[in-house]
Amino acid sequence: MKMLSALAAVAILPACLLAAVPESFETDVLPTSQGDLRLTFIGHGTLMFQWNGKTIHVDPVSRYADYARLPKADVILVTHEHGDHLDKEAIEKITTPATALLATQVCCDQLGAGQVMRNGDVRRVAGLSVRAVPAYNIVHMRSPGKAYHPKGEGNGYLITFGDKNVYVAGDTENIPEMAKLKNIDVAFLPMNLPYTMTPEMVASAAKVIRPKILYPYHFGDTDTSRLVELLNGVPEIEVRVRKLE
């Protein structure tokens, strides 16, 4: 299996196309049946996708970017209400009257806006299919019996860009529902303790999901090389590590 360094395989596009995104952010490009999908790695659990003339922000948070400098959103996806994922100020800076905001019930309640997405819900917005999938803890608990991320409250999102399926897991462990995910081209899986997964859990999840490309994200101080080592014998999964502490 190939391991790409943080700087390798970053797509290089004409300067006019990159002007809207600060140079400090790494970007990869994935071809789809309806044009290139541009993946921009903002930081932690915060991502930006650009495809078919549309911009999709995932968990925009001001501590990771100046959202006044980033493209306005056609779609905003929020996985759950924790402060490193839900930031009203960042959302307001990229929202227009045409922006579709999809989030959990708690997030919509706190924002006073948005379309509620519950686990299993599917919506079509801006030419995309977006499905909310479960994201929760089984092992790691805030206190006995109280998970950091309780079942049914948070979302991961499965986003279809043309013929490519991108799975953004949100804050979760390697839960049984992952076995239902099929034909995943790109997966973003969280890897930091005590809130989400160990490298061993991420490797286990990846072997179930079988994404063509795996990006560990939300990994804090976790040693990403451990994940690379664990998946070294699975050549069909390409692990890419980017600046997403």
C-alpha atoms as a PDB file:
ATOM      1  CA  MET A   1       0.000   0.000   0.000  1.00  0.00           C
ATOM      2  CA  LYS A   2       1.240   3.424  -0.856  1.00  0.00           C
ATOM      3  CA  MET A   3       1.636   5.991   1.879  1.00  0.00           C
ATOM      4  CA  LEU A   4       1.513   9.573   0.636  1.00  0.00           C
ATOM      5  CA  SER A   5       3.273  12.214   2.666  1.00  0.00           C
ATOM      6  CA  ALA A   6       1.498  15.387   3.685  1.00  0.00           C
ATOM      7  CA  LEU A   7       2.851  17.136   0.624  1.00  0.00           C
ATOM      8  CA  ALA A   8       2.766  14.351  -1.960  1.00  0.00           C
ATOM      9  CA  ALA A   9      -0.011  13.907  -4.511  1.00  0.00           C
ATOM     10  CA  VAL A  10      -1.466  17.342  -3.787  1.00  0.00           C
ATOM     11  CA  ALA A  11      -3.060  18.374  -7.030  1.00  0.00           C
ATOM     12  CA  ILE A  12      -1.671  21.471  -8.687  1.00  0.00           C
ATOM     13  CA  LEU A  13      -4.255  23.639 -10.396  1.00  0.00           C
ATOM     14  CA  PRO A  14      -3.962  26.938 -12.279  1.00  0.00           C
ATOM     15  CA  ALA A  15      -3.493  29.905  -9.959  1.00  0.00           C
ATOM     16  CA  CYS A  16      -6.810  31.408 -11.038  1.00  0.00           C
ATOM     17  CA  LEU A  17      -8.632  28.364  -9.675  1.00  0.00           C
ATOM     18  CA  LEU A  18      -6.774  28.408  -6.376  1.00  0.00           C
ATOM     19  CA  ALA A  19      -7.227  32.099  -5.662  1.00  0.00           C
ATOM     20  CA  ALA A  20     -10.302  31.634  -3.476  1.00  0.00           C
ATOM     21  CA  VAL A  21      -8.512  29.293  -1.050  1.00  0.00           C
ATOM     22  CA  PRO A  22      -5.563  30.388   1.131  1.00  0.00           C
ATOM     23  CA  GLU A  23      -2.320  28.650   0.226  1.00  0.00           C
ATOM     24  CA  SER A  24      -1.906  27.282   3.754  1.00  0.00           C
ATOM     25  CA  PHE A  25      -4.514  24.608   3.068  1.00  0.00           C
ATOM     26  CA  GLU A  26      -3.607  21.400   1.294  1.00  0.00           C
ATOM     27  CA  THR A  27      -5.854  20.297  -1.547  1.00  0.00           C
ATOM     28  CA  ASP A  28      -6.326  17.017  -3.402  1.00  0.00           C
ATOM     29  CA  VAL A  29      -8.370  16.485  -6.551  1.00  0.00           C
ATOM     30  CA  LEU A  30     -10.440  13.417  -7.388  1.00  0.00           C
ATOM     31  CA  PRO A  31     -11.910  12.951 -10.879  1.00  0.00           C
ATOM     32  CA  THR A  32     -15.630  12.142 -11.039  1.00  0.00           C
ATOM     33  CA  SER A  33     -18.118  11.497 -13.830  1.00  0.00           C
ATOM     34  CA  GLN A  34     -19.213  15.137 -13.567  1.00  0.00           C
ATOM     35  CA  GLY A  35     -15.904  16.920 -13.238  1.00  0.00           C
ATOM     36  CA  ASP A  36     -13.175  17.122 -10.649  1.00  0.00           C
ATOM     37  CA  LEU A  37     -13.907  17.017  -6.933  1.00  0.00           C
ATOM     38  CA  ARG A  38     -11.555  19.289  -5.046  1.00  0.00           C
ATOM     39  CA  LEU A  39     -10.967  18.346  -1.387  1.00  0.00           C
ATOM     40  CA  THR A  40      -9.532  21.074   0.841  1.00  0.00           C
ATOM     41  CA  PHE A  41      -8.229  20.093   4.266  1.00  0.00           C
ATOM     42  CA  ILE A  42      -8.967  22.979   6.638  1.00  0.00           C
ATOM     43  CA  GLY A  43      -8.093  21.377   9.982  1.00  0.00           C
ATOM     44  CA  HIS A  44      -9.264  18.911  12.635  1.00  0.00           C
ATOM     45  CA  GLY A  45     -12.766  17.845  11.526  1.00  0.00           C
ATOM     46  CA  THR A  46     -13.231  20.793   9.156  1.00  0.00           C
ATOM     47  CA  LEU A  47     -13.296  20.221   5.395  1.00  0.00           C
ATOM     48  CA  MET A  48     -14.311  21.952   2.176  1.00  0.00           C
ATOM     49  CA  PHE A  49     -15.328  20.266  -1.068  1.00  0.00           C
ATOM     50  CA  GLN A  50     -15.747  21.982  -4.435  1.00  0.00           C
ATOM     51  CA  TRP A  51     -17.464  20.210  -7.306  1.00  0.00           C
ATOM     52  CA  ASN A  52     -19.504  21.063 -10.366  1.00  0.00           C
ATOM     53  CA  GLY A  53     -19.432  24.766  -9.504  1.00  0.00           C
ATOM     54  CA  LYS A  54     -20.631  24.170  -5.930  1.00  0.00           C
ATOM     55  CA  THR A  55     -18.896  24.626  -2.572  1.00  0.00           C
ATOM     56  CA  ILE A  56     -19.667  22.304   0.339  1.00  0.00           C
ATOM     57  CA  HIS A  57     -18.380  23.117   3.819  1.00  0.00           C
ATOM     58  CA  VAL A  58     -18.247  20.428   6.519  1.00  0.00           C
ATOM     59  CA  ASP A  59     -18.161  21.482  10.178  1.00  0.00           C
ATOM     60  CA  PRO A  60     -16.839  25.013   9.516  1.00  0.00           C
ATOM     61  CA  VAL A  61     -15.067  26.342  12.624  1.00  0.00           C
ATOM     62  CA  SER A  62     -13.407  29.747  12.960  1.00  0.00           C
ATOM     63  CA  ARG A  63     -10.389  28.526  14.918  1.00  0.00           C
ATOM     64  CA  TYR A  64      -9.203  26.636  11.824  1.00  0.00           C
ATOM     65  CA  ALA A  65      -9.838  29.255   9.133  1.00  0.00           C
ATOM     66  CA  ASP A  66     -10.870  32.820   8.445  1.00  0.00           C
ATOM     67  CA  TYR A  67     -14.223  32.139   6.818  1.00  0.00           C
ATOM     68  CA  ALA A  68     -14.477  35.693   5.547  1.00  0.00           C
ATOM     69  CA  ARG A  69     -11.757  34.654   3.060  1.00  0.00           C
ATOM     70  CA  LEU A  70     -13.311  31.366   1.959  1.00  0.00           C
ATOM     71  CA  PRO A  71     -15.942  30.747  -0.732  1.00  0.00           C
ATOM     72  CA  LYS A  72     -19.578  31.093   0.219  1.00  0.00           C
ATOM     73  CA  ALA A  73     -21.387  27.839   0.794  1.00  0.00           C
ATOM     74  CA  ASP A  74     -23.892  26.158  -1.453  1.00  0.00           C
ATOM     75  CA  VAL A  75     -24.167  23.439   1.196  1.00  0.00           C
ATOM     76  CA  ILE A  76     -23.084  23.301   4.850  1.00  0.00           C
ATOM     77  CA  LEU A  77     -23.026  19.984   6.709  1.00  0.00           C
ATOM     78  CA  VAL A  78     -22.710  19.901  10.510  1.00  0.00           C
ATOM     79  CA  THR A  79     -22.110  16.566  12.207  1.00  0.00           C
ATOM     80  CA  HIS A  80     -22.910  17.486  15.829  1.00  0.00           C
ATOM     81  CA  GLU A  81     -23.050  20.301  18.344  1.00  0.00           C
ATOM     82  CA  HIS A  82     -19.615  20.203  20.014  1.00  0.00           C
ATOM     83  CA  GLY A  83     -17.670  23.443  19.720  1.00  0.00           C
ATOM     84  CA  ASP A  84     -14.975  21.999  17.469  1.00  0.00           C
ATOM     85  CA  HIS A  85     -17.696  21.147  14.917  1.00  0.00           C
ATOM     86  CA  LEU A  86     -20.472  23.712  15.353  1.00  0.00           C
ATOM     87  CA  ASP A  87     -19.578  27.396  15.074  1.00  0.00           C
ATOM     88  CA  LYS A  88     -22.396  29.844  14.411  1.00  0.00           C
ATOM     89  CA  GLU A  89     -20.023  32.695  13.532  1.00  0.00           C
ATOM     90  CA  ALA A  90     -18.248  30.669  10.842  1.00  0.00           C
ATOM     91  CA  ILE A  91     -21.556  29.469   9.425  1.00  0.00           C
ATOM     92  CA  GLU A  92     -22.917  33.011   9.211  1.00  0.00           C
ATOM     93  CA  LYS A  93     -19.858  34.183   7.250  1.00  0.00           C
ATOM     94  CA  ILE A  94     -20.359  31.640   4.472  1.00  0.00           C
ATOM     95  CA  THR A  95     -24.152  31.527   4.364  1.00  0.00           C
ATOM     96  CA  THR A  96     -26.199  33.123   1.589  1.00  0.00           C
ATOM     97  CA  PRO A  97     -29.976  33.066   1.056  1.00  0.00           C
ATOM     98  CA  ALA A  98     -29.427  30.074  -1.240  1.00  0.00           C
ATOM     99  CA  THR A  99     -27.262  28.029   1.151  1.00  0.00           C
ATOM    100  CA  ALA A 100     -28.603  24.634   2.231  1.00  0.00           C
ATOM    101  CA  LEU A 101     -27.674  23.967   5.869  1.00  0.00           C
ATOM    102  CA  LEU A 102     -28.041  20.320   6.900  1.00  0.00           C
ATOM    103  CA  ALA A 103     -27.455  19.407  10.539  1.00  0.00           C
ATOM    104  CA  THR A 104     -28.677  17.444  13.524  1.00  0.00           C
ATOM    105  CA  GLN A 105     -31.732  18.461  15.509  1.00  0.00           C
ATOM    106  CA  VAL A 106     -29.638  19.908  18.343  1.00  0.00           C
ATOM    107  CA  CYS A 107     -27.513  21.921  15.906  1.00  0.00           C
ATOM    108  CA  CYS A 108     -30.557  23.329  14.115  1.00  0.00           C
ATOM    109  CA  ASP A 109     -32.097  24.242  17.470  1.00  0.00           C
ATOM    110  CA  GLN A 110     -28.939  26.076  18.549  1.00  0.00           C
ATOM    111  CA  LEU A 111     -28.569  27.862  15.220  1.00  0.00           C
ATOM    112  CA  GLY A 112     -32.243  28.638  14.794  1.00  0.00           C
ATOM    113  CA  ALA A 113     -31.890  27.528  11.176  1.00  0.00           C
ATOM    114  CA  GLY A 114     -31.236  24.577   8.911  1.00  0.00           C
ATOM    115  CA  GLN A 115     -32.811  21.364   7.733  1.00  0.00           C
ATOM    116  CA  VAL A 116     -32.751  18.558  10.298  1.00  0.00           C
ATOM    117  CA  MET A 117     -30.976  15.388   9.219  1.00  0.00           C
ATOM    118  CA  ARG A 118     -31.569  12.314  11.345  1.00  0.00           C
ATOM    119  CA  ASN A 119     -29.673   9.058  10.968  1.00  0.00           C
ATOM    120  CA  GLY A 120     -30.935   7.485   7.744  1.00  0.00           C
ATOM    121  CA  ASP A 121     -32.326  10.670   6.187  1.00  0.00           C
ATOM    122  CA  VAL A 122     -31.433  11.410   2.560  1.00  0.00           C
ATOM    123  CA  ARG A 123     -31.666  14.809   0.864  1.00  0.00           C
ATOM    124  CA  ARG A 124     -30.720  16.033  -2.574  1.00  0.00           C
ATOM    125  CA  VAL A 125     -29.223  19.518  -2.543  1.00  0.00           C
ATOM    126  CA  ALA A 126     -27.108  21.423  -5.084  1.00  0.00           C
ATOM    127  CA  GLY A 127     -26.990  18.362  -7.322  1.00  0.00           C
ATOM    128  CA  LEU A 128     -25.673  16.178  -4.497  1.00  0.00           C
ATOM    129  CA  SER A 129     -27.143  13.229  -2.672  1.00  0.00           C
ATOM    130  CA  VAL A 130     -26.478  13.518   1.076  1.00  0.00           C
ATOM    131  CA  ARG A 131     -27.297  10.705   3.487  1.00  0.00           C
ATOM    132  CA  ALA A 132     -26.959  11.011   7.256  1.00  0.00           C
ATOM    133  CA  VAL A 133     -25.486   7.926   8.915  1.00  0.00           C
ATOM    134  CA  PRO A 134     -24.934   7.065  12.584  1.00  0.00           C
ATOM    135  CA  ALA A 135     -21.927   8.388  14.502  1.00  0.00           C
ATOM    136  CA  TYR A 136     -21.483   7.439  18.146  1.00  0.00           C
ATOM    137  CA  ASN A 137     -19.308   5.868  20.849  1.00  0.00           C
ATOM    138  CA  ILE A 138     -19.523   2.315  22.075  1.00  0.00           C
ATOM    139  CA  VAL A 139     -16.382   2.091  24.215  1.00  0.00           C
ATOM    140  CA  HIS A 140     -15.245   5.583  25.161  1.00  0.00           C
ATOM    141  CA  MET A 141     -17.350   7.230  27.843  1.00  0.00           C
ATOM    142  CA  ARG A 142     -17.416  10.661  29.449  1.00  0.00           C
ATOM    143  CA  SER A 143     -18.538   8.948  32.664  1.00  0.00           C
ATOM    144  CA  PRO A 144     -19.944   5.448  33.311  1.00  0.00           C
ATOM    145  CA  GLY A 145     -22.817   4.895  30.902  1.00  0.00           C
ATOM    146  CA  LYS A 146     -22.481   8.344  29.308  1.00  0.00           C
ATOM    147  CA  ALA A 147     -20.816   8.296  25.901  1.00  0.00           C
ATOM    148  CA  TYR A 148     -18.893  11.255  24.513  1.00  0.00           C
ATOM    149  CA  HIS A 149     -21.164  10.956  21.488  1.00  0.00           C
ATOM    150  CA  PRO A 150     -24.456   9.172  22.288  1.00  0.00           C
ATOM    151  CA  LYS A 151     -26.143   7.022  19.684  1.00  0.00           C
ATOM    152  CA  GLY A 152     -28.731   8.838  17.583  1.00  0.00           C
ATOM    153  CA  GLU A 153     -27.517  12.371  18.306  1.00  0.00           C
ATOM    154  CA  GLY A 154     -24.681  12.847  15.809  1.00  0.00           C
ATOM    155  CA  ASN A 155     -24.328  12.299  12.089  1.00  0.00           C
ATOM    156  CA  GLY A 156     -21.752  11.126   9.667  1.00  0.00           C
ATOM    157  CA  TYR A 157     -22.502  12.001   6.047  1.00  0.00           C
ATOM    158  CA  LEU A 158     -22.315   9.980   2.855  1.00  0.00           C
ATOM    159  CA  ILE A 159     -22.062  12.443  -0.029  1.00  0.00           C
ATOM    160  CA  THR A 160     -22.323  11.396  -3.676  1.00  0.00           C
ATOM    161  CA  PHE A 161     -20.443  13.517  -6.205  1.00  0.00           C
ATOM    162  CA  GLY A 162     -21.326  12.122  -9.622  1.00  0.00           C
ATOM    163  CA  ASP A 163     -20.011   8.554  -9.536  1.00  0.00           C
ATOM    164  CA  LYS A 164     -17.910   9.018  -6.390  1.00  0.00           C
ATOM    165  CA  ASN A 165     -19.034   8.383  -2.807  1.00  0.00           C
ATOM    166  CA  VAL A 166     -17.359  10.297   0.026  1.00  0.00           C
ATOM    167  CA  TYR A 167     -17.918   9.254   3.640  1.00  0.00           C
ATOM    168  CA  VAL A 168     -17.280  11.855   6.342  1.00  0.00           C
ATOM    169  CA  ALA A 169     -17.699   9.879   9.544  1.00  0.00           C
ATOM    170  CA  GLY A 170     -18.048  12.654  12.126  1.00  0.00           C
ATOM    171  CA  ASP A 171     -17.158  11.772  15.716  1.00  0.00           C
ATOM    172  CA  THR A 172     -17.638   8.033  15.958  1.00  0.00           C
ATOM    173  CA  GLU A 173     -16.080   4.697  16.745  1.00  0.00           C
ATOM    174  CA  ASN A 174     -16.016   1.633  14.482  1.00  0.00           C
ATOM    175  CA  ILE A 175     -19.741   0.983  14.878  1.00  0.00           C
ATOM    176  CA  PRO A 176     -21.688  -1.966  13.371  1.00  0.00           C
ATOM    177  CA  GLU A 177     -23.586   0.306  10.961  1.00  0.00           C
ATOM    178  CA  MET A 178     -20.380   0.851   8.986  1.00  0.00           C
ATOM    179  CA  ALA A 179     -20.834  -2.621   7.510  1.00  0.00           C
ATOM    180  CA  LYS A 180     -23.780  -1.236   5.516  1.00  0.00           C
ATOM    181  CA  LEU A 181     -21.617   1.310   3.700  1.00  0.00           C
ATOM    182  CA  LYS A 182     -20.769   0.137   0.201  1.00  0.00           C
ATOM    183  CA  ASN A 183     -18.716   1.431  -2.726  1.00  0.00           C
ATOM    184  CA  ILE A 184     -16.926   4.111  -0.720  1.00  0.00           C
ATOM    185  CA  ASP A 185     -14.315   5.951  -2.761  1.00  0.00           C
ATOM    186  CA  VAL A 186     -13.069   8.286  -0.016  1.00  0.00           C
ATOM    187  CA  ALA A 187     -13.470   7.957   3.760  1.00  0.00           C
ATOM    188  CA  PHE A 188     -12.597  10.460   6.471  1.00  0.00           C
ATOM    189  CA  LEU A 189     -12.311   8.575   9.770  1.00  0.00           C
ATOM    190  CA  PRO A 190     -11.619  10.283  13.135  1.00  0.00           C
ATOM    191  CA  MET A 191      -8.724   9.076  15.258  1.00  0.00           C
ATOM    192  CA  ASN A 192      -8.132  10.612  18.654  1.00  0.00           C
ATOM    193  CA  LEU A 193      -8.674   9.609  22.247  1.00  0.00           C
ATOM    194  CA  PRO A 194     -10.721   9.647  24.289  1.00  0.00           C
ATOM    195  CA  TYR A 195     -13.349  11.051  21.947  1.00  0.00           C
ATOM    196  CA  THR A 196     -13.273   8.838  18.864  1.00  0.00           C
ATOM    197  CA  MET A 197     -11.059   5.966  17.651  1.00  0.00           C
ATOM    198  CA  THR A 198      -7.640   4.493  18.243  1.00  0.00           C
ATOM    199  CA  PRO A 199      -5.526   3.678  15.163  1.00  0.00           C
ATOM    200  CA  GLU A 200      -6.535   0.049  15.696  1.00  0.00           C
ATOM    201  CA  MET A 201     -10.228   0.994  15.590  1.00  0.00           C
ATOM    202  CA  VAL A 202      -9.737   3.066  12.428  1.00  0.00           C
ATOM    203  CA  ALA A 203      -7.895   0.187  10.761  1.00  0.00           C
ATOM    204  CA  SER A 204     -10.719  -2.162  11.712  1.00  0.00           C
ATOM    205  CA  ALA A 205     -13.306   0.268  10.335  1.00  0.00           C
ATOM    206  CA  ALA A 206     -11.335   0.694   7.112  1.00  0.00           C
ATOM    207  CA  LYS A 207     -11.203  -3.061   6.573  1.00  0.00           C
ATOM    208  CA  VAL A 208     -14.997  -3.137   6.841  1.00  0.00           C
ATOM    209  CA  ILE A 209     -15.691  -0.066   4.680  1.00  0.00           C
ATOM    210  CA  ARG A 210     -12.891  -0.724   2.162  1.00  0.00           C
ATOM    211  CA  PRO A 211     -12.524   2.857   0.882  1.00  0.00           C
ATOM    212  CA  LYS A 212     -10.209   3.363  -2.041  1.00  0.00           C
ATOM    213  CA  ILE A 213      -8.702   6.378  -0.238  1.00  0.00           C
ATOM    214  CA  LEU A 214      -8.623   6.775   3.539  1.00  0.00           C
ATOM    215  CA  TYR A 215      -7.922  10.099   5.212  1.00  0.00           C
ATOM    216  CA  PRO A 216      -7.506   9.966   8.990  1.00  0.00           C
ATOM    217  CA  TYR A 217      -8.824  13.228  10.394  1.00  0.00           C
ATOM    218  CA  HIS A 218      -9.611  14.820  13.756  1.00  0.00           C
ATOM    219  CA  PHE A 219      -6.475  13.030  14.989  1.00  0.00           C
ATOM    220  CA  GLY A 220      -4.901  15.525  17.411  1.00  0.00           C
ATOM    221  CA  ASP A 221      -1.629  14.113  18.730  1.00  0.00           C
ATOM    222  CA  THR A 222      -2.327  10.552  17.609  1.00  0.00           C
ATOM    223  CA  ASP A 223       0.546   8.982  15.675  1.00  0.00           C
ATOM    224  CA  THR A 224      -0.813   8.567  12.145  1.00  0.00           C
ATOM    225  CA  SER A 225       2.115   6.318  11.209  1.00  0.00           C
ATOM    226  CA  ARG A 226       0.576   3.624  13.396  1.00  0.00           C
ATOM    227  CA  LEU A 227      -2.485   3.545  11.146  1.00  0.00           C
ATOM    228  CA  VAL A 228      -0.276   3.331   8.066  1.00  0.00           C
ATOM    229  CA  GLU A 229       1.530   0.373   9.631  1.00  0.00           C
ATOM    230  CA  LEU A 230      -1.723  -1.401  10.485  1.00  0.00           C
ATOM    231  CA  LEU A 231      -3.038  -1.088   6.925  1.00  0.00           C
ATOM    232  CA  ASN A 232       0.228  -1.847   5.198  1.00  0.00           C
ATOM    233  CA  GLY A 233      -1.048  -5.286   4.166  1.00  0.00           C
ATOM    234  CA  VAL A 234      -4.229  -3.938   2.586  1.00  0.00           C
ATOM    235  CA  PRO A 235      -3.036  -2.621  -0.792  1.00  0.00           C
ATOM    236  CA  GLU A 236      -6.486  -1.674  -2.066  1.00  0.00           C
ATOM    237  CA  ILE A 237      -6.768   1.038   0.631  1.00  0.00           C
ATOM    238  CA  GLU A 238      -4.549   4.074   0.054  1.00  0.00           C
ATOM    239  CA  VAL A 239      -3.885   5.994   3.261  1.00  0.00           C
ATOM    240  CA  ARG A 240      -3.329   9.716   2.782  1.00  0.00           C
ATOM    241  CA  VAL A 241      -2.260  11.860   5.733  1.00  0.00           C
ATOM    242  CA  ARG A 242      -2.957  15.576   5.480  1.00  0.00           C
ATOM    243  CA  LYS A 243      -2.801  18.572   7.848  1.00  0.00           C
ATOM    244  CA  LEU A 244      -5.926  17.794   9.855  1.00  0.00           C
ATOM    245  CA  GLU A 245      -4.765  17.742  13.461  1.00  0.00           C
END
